[in-house]
Amino acid sequence: MNEKRHAIRESCYSLKRELNDDQRMTLAEIEGFGWELKFIRRPMFMDSVPVVFEPGRGHFAIIEPDGTLNERPAIEIRH
């Protein structure tokens, strides 16, 4: 069980390393409100799209390259 938690923590750190400075600053701010980085979409020939989740409302959003939190992204999230 401890190994599983360690792997999850490591994957979160590796995801955060893929963010630019503006995105990392926004993530640090919204983590204080319960948001968490879930995954990063990597569409071909486009910028990566970090997807964050707020479990209290069950709400997904993305962090734009300029660090803006977009709570109405034009992407479909499968549940």
C-alpha atoms as a PDB file:
ATOM      1  CA  MET A   1       0.000   0.000   0.000  1.00  0.00           C
ATOM      2  CA  ASN A   2       2.794   2.431   0.864  1.00  0.00           C
ATOM      3  CA  GLU A   3       4.430   1.751  -2.520  1.00  0.00           C
ATOM      4  CA  LYS A   4       1.185   2.684  -4.271  1.00  0.00           C
ATOM      5  CA  ARG A   5       0.996   6.039  -2.460  1.00  0.00           C
ATOM      6  CA  HIS A   6       4.632   6.710  -3.302  1.00  0.00           C
ATOM      7  CA  ALA A   7       3.963   6.005  -7.002  1.00  0.00           C
ATOM      8  CA  ILE A   8       0.958   8.363  -6.991  1.00  0.00           C
ATOM      9  CA  ARG A   9       3.003  11.113  -5.327  1.00  0.00           C
ATOM     10  CA  GLU A  10       5.832  10.620  -7.847  1.00  0.00           C
ATOM     11  CA  SER A  11       3.445  10.808 -10.812  1.00  0.00           C
ATOM     12  CA  CYS A  12       1.975  14.054  -9.429  1.00  0.00           C
ATOM     13  CA  TYR A  13       5.462  15.563  -9.149  1.00  0.00           C
ATOM     14  CA  SER A  14       6.333  14.495 -12.695  1.00  0.00           C
ATOM     15  CA  LEU A  15       3.105  16.077 -13.988  1.00  0.00           C
ATOM     16  CA  LYS A  16       3.873  19.339 -12.216  1.00  0.00           C
ATOM     17  CA  ARG A  17       7.309  19.449 -13.848  1.00  0.00           C
ATOM     18  CA  GLU A  18       5.563  19.648 -17.232  1.00  0.00           C
ATOM     19  CA  LEU A  19       3.792  22.909 -16.324  1.00  0.00           C
ATOM     20  CA  ASN A  20       5.218  26.309 -17.167  1.00  0.00           C
ATOM     21  CA  ASP A  21       5.859  28.876 -14.418  1.00  0.00           C
ATOM     22  CA  ASP A  22       2.467  30.611 -14.801  1.00  0.00           C
ATOM     23  CA  GLN A  23       0.609  27.295 -14.640  1.00  0.00           C
ATOM     24  CA  ARG A  24       2.618  26.165 -11.580  1.00  0.00           C
ATOM     25  CA  MET A  25       1.799  29.424  -9.766  1.00  0.00           C
ATOM     26  CA  THR A  26      -1.915  29.047 -10.507  1.00  0.00           C
ATOM     27  CA  LEU A  27      -1.884  25.410  -9.424  1.00  0.00           C
ATOM     28  CA  ALA A  28      -0.160  26.323  -6.147  1.00  0.00           C
ATOM     29  CA  GLU A  29      -2.846  28.946  -5.472  1.00  0.00           C
ATOM     30  CA  ILE A  30      -5.854  26.760  -6.270  1.00  0.00           C
ATOM     31  CA  GLU A  31      -4.503  23.741  -4.373  1.00  0.00           C
ATOM     32  CA  GLY A  32      -5.225  25.766  -1.254  1.00  0.00           C
ATOM     33  CA  PHE A  33      -8.900  25.641  -2.240  1.00  0.00           C
ATOM     34  CA  GLY A  34      -8.926  21.870  -2.764  1.00  0.00           C
ATOM     35  CA  TRP A  35      -8.128  21.680  -6.479  1.00  0.00           C
ATOM     36  CA  GLU A  36      -5.727  18.965  -7.642  1.00  0.00           C
ATOM     37  CA  LEU A  37      -3.880  18.281 -10.878  1.00  0.00           C
ATOM     38  CA  LYS A  38      -5.480  15.136 -12.332  1.00  0.00           C
ATOM     39  CA  PHE A  39      -3.750  14.657 -15.676  1.00  0.00           C
ATOM     40  CA  ILE A  40      -2.292  16.430 -18.672  1.00  0.00           C
ATOM     41  CA  ARG A  41      -3.783  16.002 -22.123  1.00  0.00           C
ATOM     42  CA  ARG A  42      -1.246  16.017 -24.921  1.00  0.00           C
ATOM     43  CA  PRO A  43      -3.112  16.655 -28.196  1.00  0.00           C
ATOM     44  CA  MET A  44      -0.994  16.183 -31.320  1.00  0.00           C
ATOM     45  CA  PHE A  45       0.597  19.355 -32.682  1.00  0.00           C
ATOM     46  CA  MET A  46      -0.874  21.451 -29.839  1.00  0.00           C
ATOM     47  CA  ASP A  47       0.190  22.649 -26.397  1.00  0.00           C
ATOM     48  CA  SER A  48      -0.348  20.304 -23.460  1.00  0.00           C
ATOM     49  CA  VAL A  49      -3.524  20.884 -21.453  1.00  0.00           C
ATOM     50  CA  PRO A  50      -3.286  20.459 -17.649  1.00  0.00           C
ATOM     51  CA  VAL A  51      -6.635  19.292 -16.244  1.00  0.00           C
ATOM     52  CA  VAL A  52      -7.466  20.049 -12.601  1.00  0.00           C
ATOM     53  CA  PHE A  53     -10.311  18.773 -10.434  1.00  0.00           C
ATOM     54  CA  GLU A  54     -12.156  20.232  -7.447  1.00  0.00           C
ATOM     55  CA  PRO A  55     -13.675  17.267  -5.581  1.00  0.00           C
ATOM     56  CA  GLY A  56     -16.074  19.330  -3.449  1.00  0.00           C
ATOM     57  CA  ARG A  57     -18.146  20.247  -6.499  1.00  0.00           C
ATOM     58  CA  GLY A  58     -16.978  17.431  -8.750  1.00  0.00           C
ATOM     59  CA  HIS A  59     -15.790  20.112 -11.172  1.00  0.00           C
ATOM     60  CA  PHE A  60     -13.041  19.904 -13.824  1.00  0.00           C
ATOM     61  CA  ALA A  61     -11.152  22.859 -15.310  1.00  0.00           C
ATOM     62  CA  ILE A  62      -7.964  23.500 -17.257  1.00  0.00           C
ATOM     63  CA  ILE A  63      -5.048  25.814 -16.627  1.00  0.00           C
ATOM     64  CA  GLU A  64      -4.295  27.868 -19.735  1.00  0.00           C
ATOM     65  CA  PRO A  65      -0.664  28.523 -20.791  1.00  0.00           C
ATOM     66  CA  ASP A  66      -0.884  32.055 -19.325  1.00  0.00           C
ATOM     67  CA  GLY A  67      -1.936  30.610 -15.943  1.00  0.00           C
ATOM     68  CA  THR A  68      -5.632  31.445 -16.278  1.00  0.00           C
ATOM     69  CA  LEU A  69      -8.015  28.925 -14.725  1.00  0.00           C
ATOM     70  CA  ASN A  70     -10.612  28.045 -17.364  1.00  0.00           C
ATOM     71  CA  GLU A  71     -13.639  26.516 -15.652  1.00  0.00           C
ATOM     72  CA  ARG A  72     -15.564  26.186 -18.925  1.00  0.00           C
ATOM     73  CA  PRO A  73     -13.052  24.465 -21.192  1.00  0.00           C
ATOM     74  CA  ALA A  74     -13.989  23.364 -24.684  1.00  0.00           C
ATOM     75  CA  ILE A  75     -12.882  19.805 -23.976  1.00  0.00           C
ATOM     76  CA  GLU A  76     -14.904  16.761 -23.063  1.00  0.00           C
ATOM     77  CA  ILE A  77     -13.993  14.910 -19.877  1.00  0.00           C
ATOM     78  CA  ARG A  78     -15.088  11.283 -19.668  1.00  0.00           C
ATOM     79  CA  HIS A  79     -16.128  10.199 -16.186  1.00  0.00           C
END
